[in-house]
C-alpha atoms as a PDB file:
ATOM      1  CA  ALA A   1      43.785 -10.243  77.872  1.00  0.00           C
ATOM      2  CA  ALA A   2      44.700  -7.432  80.776  1.00  0.00           C
ATOM      3  CA  PHE A   3      45.605 -10.170  83.098  1.00  0.00           C
ATOM      4  CA  ILE A   4      48.004 -11.921  80.960  1.00  0.00           C
ATOM      5  CA  PRO A   5      51.768 -10.948  81.879  1.00  0.00           C
ATOM      6  CA  GLU A   6      53.197  -8.782  79.116  1.00  0.00           C
ATOM      7  CA  ASP A   7      56.113 -11.424  78.712  1.00  0.00           C
ATOM      8  CA  GLU A   8      53.524 -14.005  77.583  1.00  0.00           C
ATOM      9  CA  ILE A   9      53.024 -11.818  74.485  1.00  0.00           C
ATOM     10  CA  ILE A  10      51.604 -14.292  72.078  1.00  0.00           C
ATOM     11  CA  ASP A  11      49.109 -15.489  74.619  1.00  0.00           C
ATOM     12  CA  ARG A  12      48.026 -11.964  75.100  1.00  0.00           C
ATOM     13  CA  MET A  13      47.727 -11.562  71.101  1.00  0.00           C
ATOM     14  CA  ASN A  14      45.608 -14.520  70.933  1.00  0.00           C
ATOM     15  CA  ALA A  15      43.281 -13.068  73.673  1.00  0.00           C
ATOM     16  CA  LEU A  16      43.032  -9.674  71.901  1.00  0.00           C
ATOM     17  CA  ARG A  17      42.374 -11.644  68.752  1.00  0.00           C
ATOM     18  CA  LEU A  18      39.332 -13.214  70.208  1.00  0.00           C
ATOM     19  CA  LEU A  19      37.973 -10.253  71.940  1.00  0.00           C
ATOM     20  CA  ALA A  20      38.105  -8.278  68.521  1.00  0.00           C
ATOM     21  CA  HIS A  21      36.434 -11.325  66.631  1.00  0.00           C
ATOM     22  CA  ASN A  22      33.877 -11.951  69.199  1.00  0.00           C
ATOM     23  CA  HIS A  23      32.779  -8.226  69.948  1.00  0.00           C
ATOM     24  CA  PRO A  24      33.654  -6.387  66.696  1.00  0.00           C
ATOM     25  CA  HIS A  25      31.540  -3.357  67.133  1.00  0.00           C
ATOM     26  CA  SER A  26      32.720  -2.642  70.702  1.00  0.00           C
ATOM     27  CA  ASP A  27      35.135   0.143  71.855  1.00  0.00           C
ATOM     28  CA  ALA A  28      37.245  -2.760  73.360  1.00  0.00           C
ATOM     29  CA  ALA A  29      37.532  -4.376  69.913  1.00  0.00           C
ATOM     30  CA  ALA A  30      38.890  -1.188  68.588  1.00  0.00           C
ATOM     31  CA  GLN A  31      41.474  -0.962  71.415  1.00  0.00           C
ATOM     32  CA  ALA A  32      42.250  -4.594  71.187  1.00  0.00           C
ATOM     33  CA  THR A  33      43.261  -4.061  67.400  1.00  0.00           C
ATOM     34  CA  GLN A  34      45.719  -1.284  68.462  1.00  0.00           C
ATOM     35  CA  ASP A  35      47.044  -3.351  71.326  1.00  0.00           C
ATOM     36  CA  ARG A  36      47.620  -6.294  69.087  1.00  0.00           C
ATOM     37  CA  ALA A  37      49.456  -4.251  66.330  1.00  0.00           C
ATOM     38  CA  ALA A  38      51.589  -2.897  69.118  1.00  0.00           C
ATOM     39  CA  ALA A  39      52.362  -6.341  70.584  1.00  0.00           C
ATOM     40  CA  LEU A  40      53.251  -7.484  67.048  1.00  0.00           C
ATOM     41  CA  ARG A  41      55.722  -4.946  66.860  1.00  0.00           C
ATOM     42  CA  THR A  42      57.221  -5.798  70.124  1.00  0.00           C
ATOM     43  CA  LEU A  43      57.300  -9.454  69.134  1.00  0.00           C
ATOM     44  CA  LEU A  44      59.149  -8.844  66.061  1.00  0.00           C
ATOM     45  CA  ALA A  45      61.722  -6.541  67.706  1.00  0.00           C
ATOM     46  CA  ASP A  46      62.630  -9.433  70.365  1.00  0.00           C
ATOM     47  CA  ARG A  47      65.666 -11.177  68.759  1.00  0.00           C
ATOM     48  CA  HIS A  48      65.792 -13.700  71.548  1.00  0.00           C
ATOM     49  CA  ARG A  49      62.358 -15.293  70.930  1.00  0.00           C
ATOM     50  CA  ASN A  50      61.985 -18.519  69.034  1.00  0.00           C
ATOM     51  CA  ALA A  51      61.893 -17.390  65.481  1.00  0.00           C
ATOM     52  CA  ARG A  52      59.425 -20.292  64.272  1.00  0.00           C
ATOM     53  CA  GLU A  53      57.198 -19.123  67.119  1.00  0.00           C
ATOM     54  CA  VAL A  54      57.496 -15.461  66.092  1.00  0.00           C
ATOM     55  CA  ALA A  55      56.576 -16.380  62.434  1.00  0.00           C
ATOM     56  CA  ARG A  56      53.545 -18.538  63.317  1.00  0.00           C
ATOM     57  CA  ALA A  57      52.225 -15.493  65.414  1.00  0.00           C
ATOM     58  CA  VAL A  58      53.161 -12.873  62.608  1.00  0.00           C
ATOM     59  CA  TYR A  59      51.356 -14.901  59.841  1.00  0.00           C
ATOM     60  CA  ASP A  60      48.281 -15.011  62.191  1.00  0.00           C
ATOM     61  CA  GLY A  61      48.536 -11.285  62.452  1.00  0.00           C
ATOM     62  CA  LEU A  62      49.608 -10.087  59.193  1.00  0.00           C
ATOM     63  CA  ALA A  63      46.442  -7.722  59.002  1.00  0.00           C
ATOM     64  CA  TYR A  64      47.687  -5.892  62.039  1.00  0.00           C
ATOM     65  CA  LEU A  65      51.221  -5.010  60.405  1.00  0.00           C
ATOM     66  CA  PRO A  66      51.769  -1.607  59.666  1.00  0.00           C
ATOM     67  CA  ARG A  67      50.947  -0.562  55.841  1.00  0.00           C
ATOM     68  CA  GLY A  68      53.380   0.182  53.539  1.00  0.00           C
ATOM     69  CA  SER A  69      57.416  -0.003  53.842  1.00  0.00           C
ATOM     70  CA  GLU A  70      57.327  -0.442  57.584  1.00  0.00           C
ATOM     71  CA  GLY A  71      55.621  -3.398  57.833  1.00  0.00           C
ATOM     72  CA  ASP A  72      57.392  -4.909  54.730  1.00  0.00           C
ATOM     73  CA  ALA A  73      60.746  -4.064  56.330  1.00  0.00           C
ATOM     74  CA  MET A  74      59.615  -5.939  59.505  1.00  0.00           C
ATOM     75  CA  VAL A  75      58.532  -9.079  57.712  1.00  0.00           C
ATOM     76  CA  ARG A  76      61.981  -8.964  55.686  1.00  0.00           C
ATOM     77  CA  GLY A  77      63.815  -8.744  58.950  1.00  0.00           C
ATOM     78  CA  LEU A  78      62.082 -12.000  60.224  1.00  0.00           C
ATOM     79  CA  VAL A  79      62.549 -13.788  56.977  1.00  0.00           C
ATOM     80  CA  THR A  80      66.283 -13.023  57.462  1.00  0.00           C
ATOM     81  CA  ARG A  81      66.374 -14.700  60.713  1.00  0.00           C
ATOM     82  CA  LEU A  82      64.286 -17.695  59.593  1.00  0.00           C
ATOM     83  CA  VAL A  83      66.529 -18.426  56.581  1.00  0.00           C
ATOM     84  CA  ARG A  84      69.645 -18.127  58.800  1.00  0.00           C
ATOM     85  CA  LEU A  85      68.135 -21.006  60.881  1.00  0.00           C
ATOM     86  CA  ASP A  86      67.213 -22.859  57.792  1.00  0.00           C
ATOM     87  CA  LEU A  87      63.475 -22.536  58.416  1.00  0.00           C
ATOM     88  CA  LEU A  88      62.884 -22.068  54.615  1.00  0.00           C
ATOM     89  CA  SER A  89      59.099 -23.193  54.737  1.00  0.00           C
ATOM     90  CA  GLU A  90      58.227 -20.496  57.258  1.00  0.00           C
ATOM     91  CA  ALA A  91      60.330 -17.952  55.545  1.00  0.00           C
ATOM     92  CA  ALA A  92      58.797 -18.596  52.176  1.00  0.00           C
ATOM     93  CA  GLU A  93      55.213 -18.445  53.849  1.00  0.00           C
ATOM     94  CA  LEU A  94      55.713 -15.039  55.010  1.00  0.00           C
ATOM     95  CA  LEU A  95      57.236 -13.857  51.506  1.00  0.00           C
ATOM     96  CA  GLU A  96      54.477 -15.441  49.767  1.00  0.00           C
ATOM     97  CA  HIS A  97      51.832 -13.250  51.669  1.00  0.00           C
ATOM     98  CA  GLN A  98      54.054 -10.356  50.812  1.00  0.00           C
ATOM     99  CA  VAL A  99      54.298 -11.147  47.246  1.00  0.00           C
ATOM    100  CA  PHE A 100      50.673 -11.863  46.288  1.00  0.00           C
ATOM    101  CA  LYS A 101      48.792  -9.871  49.030  1.00  0.00           C
ATOM    102  CA  ARG A 102      50.823  -6.821  49.788  1.00  0.00           C
ATOM    103  CA  LEU A 103      53.028  -5.725  46.846  1.00  0.00           C
ATOM    104  CA  ARG A 104      52.345  -4.685  43.079  1.00  0.00           C
ATOM    105  CA  GLY A 105      54.285  -4.087  40.039  1.00  0.00           C
ATOM    106  CA  ALA A 106      58.063  -3.980  40.029  1.00  0.00           C
ATOM    107  CA  GLU A 107      58.391  -4.436  43.640  1.00  0.00           C
ATOM    108  CA  ARG A 108      56.589  -7.678  43.653  1.00  0.00           C
ATOM    109  CA  SER A 109      58.911  -8.952  40.992  1.00  0.00           C
ATOM    110  CA  THR A 110      61.796  -7.941  42.750  1.00  0.00           C
ATOM    111  CA  VAL A 111      60.637  -9.538  46.120  1.00  0.00           C
ATOM    112  CA  ALA A 112      59.431 -12.474  44.182  1.00  0.00           C
ATOM    113  CA  ALA A 113      63.139 -13.015  42.995  1.00  0.00           C
ATOM    114  CA  ASP A 114      63.864 -13.313  46.991  1.00  0.00           C
ATOM    115  CA  LEU A 115      61.210 -15.979  47.201  1.00  0.00           C
ATOM    116  CA  ALA A 116      62.119 -18.299  44.558  1.00  0.00           C
ATOM    117  CA  PRO A 117      65.374 -19.060  45.969  1.00  0.00           C
ATOM    118  CA  LEU A 118      63.612 -20.350  49.272  1.00  0.00           C
ATOM    119  CA  TYR A 119      61.699 -22.778  47.417  1.00  0.00           C
ATOM    120  CA  LEU A 120      64.881 -23.832  45.329  1.00  0.00           C
ATOM    121  CA  ASP A 121      66.754 -24.229  48.605  1.00  0.00           C
ATOM    122  CA  ASP A 122      63.555 -26.340  49.929  1.00  0.00           C
ATOM    123  CA  ARG A 123      63.786 -28.390  46.813  1.00  0.00           C
ATOM    124  CA  ARG A 124      60.439 -27.043  45.449  1.00  0.00           C
ATOM    125  CA  PRO A 125      61.488 -25.793  41.977  1.00  0.00           C
ATOM    126  CA  SER A 126      57.884 -26.068  40.606  1.00  0.00           C
ATOM    127  CA  GLU A 127      56.977 -23.577  43.410  1.00  0.00           C
ATOM    128  CA  ALA A 128      59.717 -21.174  42.293  1.00  0.00           C
ATOM    129  CA  LEU A 129      58.649 -21.500  38.766  1.00  0.00           C
ATOM    130  CA  ARG A 130      55.159 -20.592  39.857  1.00  0.00           C
ATOM    131  CA  VAL A 131      56.212 -17.663  41.737  1.00  0.00           C
ATOM    132  CA  LEU A 132      58.481 -16.287  38.908  1.00  0.00           C
ATOM    133  CA  ARG A 133      56.153 -16.899  36.141  1.00  0.00           C
ATOM    134  CA  SER A 134      53.160 -15.190  37.846  1.00  0.00           C
ATOM    135  CA  THR A 135      55.032 -11.985  38.684  1.00  0.00           C
ATOM    136  CA  ARG A 136      56.319 -10.931  35.368  1.00  0.00           C
ATOM    137  CA  VAL A 137      56.061  -7.494  34.474  1.00  0.00           C
ATOM    138  CA  ALA A 138      57.496  -5.036  31.925  1.00  0.00           C
ATOM    139  CA  GLY A 139      60.131  -2.383  32.741  1.00  0.00           C
ATOM    140  CA  ILE A 140      61.798  -3.973  35.766  1.00  0.00           C
ATOM    141  CA  ASP A 141      65.538  -3.118  36.495  1.00  0.00           C
ATOM    142  CA  ALA A 142      67.995  -5.131  34.053  1.00  0.00           C
ATOM    143  CA  GLN A 143      69.629  -6.656  37.136  1.00  0.00           C
ATOM    144  CA  VAL A 144      66.643  -7.890  38.670  1.00  0.00           C
ATOM    145  CA  LEU A 145      65.699  -9.249  35.222  1.00  0.00           C
ATOM    146  CA  ASP A 146      68.959 -11.211  34.904  1.00  0.00           C
ATOM    147  CA  ARG A 147      68.424 -12.482  38.418  1.00  0.00           C
ATOM    148  CA  ARG A 148      64.907 -13.646  37.717  1.00  0.00           C
ATOM    149  CA  ARG A 149      66.114 -15.414  34.416  1.00  0.00           C
ATOM    150  CA  PHE A 150      68.831 -17.217  36.308  1.00  0.00           C
ATOM    151  CA  LEU A 151      66.349 -18.294  39.007  1.00  0.00           C
ATOM    152  CA  GLU A 152      63.829 -19.491  36.494  1.00  0.00           C
ATOM    153  CA  ALA A 153      66.649 -21.465  34.428  1.00  0.00           C
ATOM    154  CA  THR A 154      67.738 -23.303  37.488  1.00  0.00           C
ATOM    155  CA  ALA A 155      64.176 -24.082  38.402  1.00  0.00           C
ATOM    156  CA  LEU A 156      63.414 -25.347  34.679  1.00  0.00           C
ATOM    157  CA  GLU A 157      66.555 -27.655  34.932  1.00  0.00           C
ATOM    158  CA  ARG A 158      65.620 -29.066  38.321  1.00  0.00           C
ATOM    159  CA  THR A 159      62.229 -29.795  36.967  1.00  0.00           C
ATOM    160  CA  GLY A 160      63.662 -31.774  34.083  1.00  0.00           C
ATOM    161  CA  ALA A 161      63.612 -29.214  31.333  1.00  0.00           C
ATOM    162  CA  PRO A 162      67.122 -28.437  30.393  1.00  0.00           C
ATOM    163  CA  ASP A 163      66.313 -27.615  26.948  1.00  0.00           C
ATOM    164  CA  ALA A 164      64.186 -24.693  28.118  1.00  0.00           C
ATOM    165  CA  ALA A 165      66.611 -23.670  30.676  1.00  0.00           C
ATOM    166  CA  LEU A 166      69.280 -23.257  27.923  1.00  0.00           C
ATOM    167  CA  GLU A 167      67.040 -21.480  25.556  1.00  0.00           C
ATOM    168  CA  LEU A 168      66.026 -18.920  28.368  1.00  0.00           C
ATOM    169  CA  LEU A 169      69.602 -18.288  29.308  1.00  0.00           C
ATOM    170  CA  GLN A 170      70.311 -17.262  25.471  1.00  0.00           C
ATOM    171  CA  SER A 171      68.851 -13.934  26.248  1.00  0.00           C
ATOM    172  CA  ALA A 172      70.598 -13.607  29.788  1.00  0.00           C
ATOM    173  CA  SER A 173      73.671 -11.383  30.547  1.00  0.00           C
ATOM    174  CA  SER A 174      77.259 -13.026  30.578  1.00  0.00           C
ATOM    175  CA  ALA A 175      76.797 -13.451  34.576  1.00  0.00           C
ATOM    176  CA  SER A 176      74.691 -16.348  33.776  1.00  0.00           C
ATOM    177  CA  ILE A 177      77.692 -18.041  31.487  1.00  0.00           C
ATOM    178  CA  GLU A 178      78.424 -20.359  34.390  1.00  0.00           C
ATOM    179  CA  LEU A 179      74.892 -21.629  34.692  1.00  0.00           C
ATOM    180  CA  ARG A 180      74.501 -22.223  31.202  1.00  0.00           C
ATOM    181  CA  ALA A 181      77.939 -24.193  31.095  1.00  0.00           C
ATOM    182  CA  GLU A 182      76.896 -26.317  34.230  1.00  0.00           C
ATOM    183  CA  ILE A 183      73.456 -27.183  32.679  1.00  0.00           C
ATOM    184  CA  GLU A 184      75.277 -28.310  29.434  1.00  0.00           C
ATOM    185  CA  TRP A 185      77.673 -30.320  31.342  1.00  0.00           C
ATOM    186  CA  ARG A 186      74.957 -32.001  33.426  1.00  0.00           C
ATOM    187  CA  SER A 187      72.899 -32.828  30.544  1.00  0.00           C
ATOM    188  CA  HIS A 188      76.033 -34.235  28.667  1.00  0.00           C
ATOM    189  CA  ARG A 189      75.893 -31.814  25.941  1.00  0.00           C
ATOM    190  CA  TRP A 190      79.715 -32.196  25.655  1.00  0.00           C
ATOM    191  CA  ALA A 191      80.702 -30.083  22.631  1.00  0.00           C
ATOM    192  CA  ASP A 192      78.250 -27.226  23.877  1.00  0.00           C
ATOM    193  CA  ALA A 193      79.787 -27.290  27.545  1.00  0.00           C
ATOM    194  CA  ALA A 194      83.411 -27.383  26.217  1.00  0.00           C
ATOM    195  CA  ALA A 195      82.812 -24.306  24.214  1.00  0.00           C
ATOM    196  CA  THR A 196      80.999 -22.431  26.949  1.00  0.00           C
ATOM    197  CA  TYR A 197      83.863 -23.109  29.372  1.00  0.00           C
ATOM    198  CA  ALA A 198      86.292 -22.101  26.941  1.00  0.00           C
ATOM    199  CA  ALA A 199      84.562 -18.849  26.524  1.00  0.00           C
ATOM    200  CA  ILE A 200      84.727 -18.320  30.352  1.00  0.00           C
ATOM    201  CA  LEU A 201      88.294 -18.349  30.035  1.00  0.00           C
ATOM    202  CA  GLY A 202      87.976 -15.251  27.865  1.00  0.00           C
ATOM    203  CA  GLU A 203      91.194 -13.234  27.823  1.00  0.00           C
ATOM    204  CA  ALA A 204      92.345 -14.516  30.951  1.00  0.00           C
ATOM    205  CA  THR A 205      96.026 -14.311  31.804  1.00  0.00           C
ATOM    206  CA  ALA A 206      98.288 -16.093  34.612  1.00  0.00           C
ATOM    207  CA  PRO A 207      97.818 -16.605  37.292  1.00  0.00           C
ATOM    208  CA  LEU A 208      94.288 -18.030  36.788  1.00  0.00           C
ATOM    209  CA  ASN A 209      91.681 -17.618  39.585  1.00  0.00           C
ATOM    210  CA  GLU A 210      89.740 -20.471  40.840  1.00  0.00           C
ATOM    211  CA  ARG A 211      86.705 -19.828  38.364  1.00  0.00           C
ATOM    212  CA  GLN A 212      89.090 -19.870  35.326  1.00  0.00           C
ATOM    213  CA  ARG A 213      90.961 -22.938  36.585  1.00  0.00           C
ATOM    214  CA  ASN A 214      87.644 -24.917  36.860  1.00  0.00           C
ATOM    215  CA  ALA A 215      86.609 -23.700  33.249  1.00  0.00           C
ATOM    216  CA  LEU A 216      89.902 -24.810  31.921  1.00  0.00           C
ATOM    217  CA  LEU A 217      89.545 -28.271  33.511  1.00  0.00           C
ATOM    218  CA  ARG A 218      85.923 -28.675  32.600  1.00  0.00           C
ATOM    219  CA  ALA A 219      86.607 -27.335  28.898  1.00  0.00           C
ATOM    220  CA  GLY A 220      89.378 -29.973  28.503  1.00  0.00           C
ATOM    221  CA  ALA A 221      87.295 -32.735  29.903  1.00  0.00           C
ATOM    222  CA  ALA A 222      84.323 -31.789  27.570  1.00  0.00           C
ATOM    223  CA  TYR A 223      86.364 -31.964  24.462  1.00  0.00           C
ATOM    224  CA  VAL A 224      87.726 -35.123  25.341  1.00  0.00           C
ATOM    225  CA  LEU A 225      84.154 -36.459  26.193  1.00  0.00           C
ATOM    226  CA  ALA A 226      82.828 -35.116  22.848  1.00  0.00           C
ATOM    227  CA  GLY A 227      85.627 -36.816  20.930  1.00  0.00           C
ATOM    228  CA  ASP A 228      86.998 -33.598  20.101  1.00  0.00           C
ATOM    229  CA  GLU A 229      90.796 -34.560  20.051  1.00  0.00           C
ATOM    230  CA  ALA A 230      91.683 -31.529  17.782  1.00  0.00           C
ATOM    231  CA  SER A 231      89.852 -28.803  19.709  1.00  0.00           C
ATOM    232  CA  PHE A 232      91.408 -30.318  22.882  1.00  0.00           C
ATOM    233  CA  ALA A 233      94.933 -29.923  21.708  1.00  0.00           C
ATOM    234  CA  ASP A 234      94.323 -26.705  20.542  1.00  0.00           C
ATOM    235  CA  LEU A 235      93.108 -25.872  24.029  1.00  0.00           C
ATOM    236  CA  ARG A 236      96.077 -27.460  25.629  1.00  0.00           C
ATOM    237  CA  ALA A 237      98.569 -25.638  23.366  1.00  0.00           C
ATOM    238  CA  GLU A 238      96.931 -22.216  23.879  1.00  0.00           C
ATOM    239  CA  SER A 239      96.821 -22.849  27.753  1.00  0.00           C
ATOM    240  CA  VAL A 240     100.626 -23.538  27.814  1.00  0.00           C
ATOM    241  CA  LYS A 241     101.263 -20.511  25.617  1.00  0.00           C
ATOM    242  CA  ARG A 242      99.066 -17.985  27.759  1.00  0.00           C
ATOM    243  CA  PHE A 243      99.544 -19.437  31.151  1.00  0.00           C
ATOM    244  CA  GLY A 244     102.874 -21.102  31.123  1.00  0.00           C
ATOM    245  CA  GLY A 245     103.643 -23.825  33.705  1.00  0.00           C
ATOM    246  CA  PHE A 246     100.307 -23.576  35.518  1.00  0.00           C
ATOM    247  CA  PRO A 247      99.322 -26.355  37.970  1.00  0.00           C
ATOM    248  CA  GLU A 248      96.755 -28.017  35.853  1.00  0.00           C
ATOM    249  CA  GLN A 249      98.934 -28.526  33.045  1.00  0.00           C
ATOM    250  CA  GLU A 250      99.792 -32.069  33.969  1.00  0.00           C
ATOM    251  CA  LEU A 251      96.032 -32.802  34.310  1.00  0.00           C
ATOM    252  CA  LEU A 252      95.259 -31.581  30.804  1.00  0.00           C
ATOM    253  CA  GLY A 253      98.165 -33.864  29.712  1.00  0.00           C
ATOM    254  CA  PHE A 254      96.532 -36.876  31.096  1.00  0.00           C
ATOM    255  CA  MET A 255      92.967 -36.121  29.737  1.00  0.00           C
ATOM    256  CA  SER A 256      94.269 -36.829  26.082  1.00  0.00           C
ATOM    257  CA  LEU A 257      95.576 -40.327  26.907  1.00  0.00           C
ATOM    258  CA  ASP A 258      93.599 -43.501  26.665  1.00  0.00           C
ATOM    259  CA  GLY A 259      93.613 -46.485  28.839  1.00  0.00           C
ATOM    260  CA  SER A 260      93.644 -47.390  32.625  1.00  0.00           C
ATOM    261  CA  GLU A 261      97.161 -46.035  33.184  1.00  0.00           C
ATOM    262  CA  ALA A 262      95.870 -42.488  32.023  1.00  0.00           C
ATOM    263  CA  GLY A 263      92.906 -42.802  34.649  1.00  0.00           C
ATOM    264  CA  ALA A 264      95.289 -43.707  37.412  1.00  0.00           C
ATOM    265  CA  GLY A 265      97.944 -40.979  36.424  1.00  0.00           C
ATOM    266  CA  PHE A 266      95.051 -38.299  36.265  1.00  0.00           C
ATOM    267  CA  MET A 267      93.804 -39.159  39.829  1.00  0.00           C
ATOM    268  CA  GLU A 268      97.369 -39.042  41.235  1.00  0.00           C
ATOM    269  CA  ALA A 269      98.185 -35.789  39.673  1.00  0.00           C
ATOM    270  CA  TYR A 270      94.552 -34.449  40.887  1.00  0.00           C
ATOM    271  CA  ARG A 271      95.408 -35.702  44.511  1.00  0.00           C
ATOM    272  CA  ARG A 272      98.844 -33.961  44.312  1.00  0.00           C
ATOM    273  CA  LEU A 273      97.514 -30.689  43.246  1.00  0.00           C
ATOM    274  CA  TYR A 274      94.452 -30.336  45.380  1.00  0.00           C
ATOM    275  CA  ALA A 275      96.009 -31.972  48.499  1.00  0.00           C
ATOM    276  CA  ALA A 276      98.685 -29.328  48.257  1.00  0.00           C
ATOM    277  CA  GLU A 277      96.420 -26.709  47.960  1.00  0.00           C
ATOM    278  CA  GLY A 278      94.160 -27.838  50.943  1.00  0.00           C
END
């Protein structure tokens, strides 16, 4: 280990590991443990080294990380780098260790809400469910609880359980209303989706923001798909009254018509509206 150049830090860490393993009761092993911990800090501070290589070295040396918040902060910094590079599996592996080996209580639940999205982004919703369900505790912050419900509902839908997802969202805050509407839309619950999208509009006034404009169009389409022409007519009339000559007015008009000409007219109006915005 002493003869390995300091810039070959991973090879040096491996040599120190073997020394401590093969001669556990020696003074040299105690020194090797200290040296390896110092080398790990140096490795984590090196922003130019290959992040995947660093992640593997860190995972092999997790026992040598500083105890408490210092070590956790070092790992979280590396996780952030890995996510930026789309190295989701490596990032999840490190956070998995934090959640199930280092943390307890509310802190574990909070960090689990950072781990679950990595599994969702990596198309592993079952793993996200496992993490969230195994880290439930009472008394956590309301904002964290809402975030965990949002993530669990997302994971439930992606594992083919939209009913369970919607049931979970019934007790969630209004911040999750878009997710509820999207799940209803994707599962073809047209009447429910229309009502939820209409609720997103709330007391909106002109000019509508992008979120409200999307909700208005989705509400109109869902009413038509549900065959509820009366509710659609009410939505269109109320929209004209509240928002005036808003850009989506022509699109709503075509939604209420039947036949191929209506479809062609809708697409032409859609292209004009969004091409102009682009």
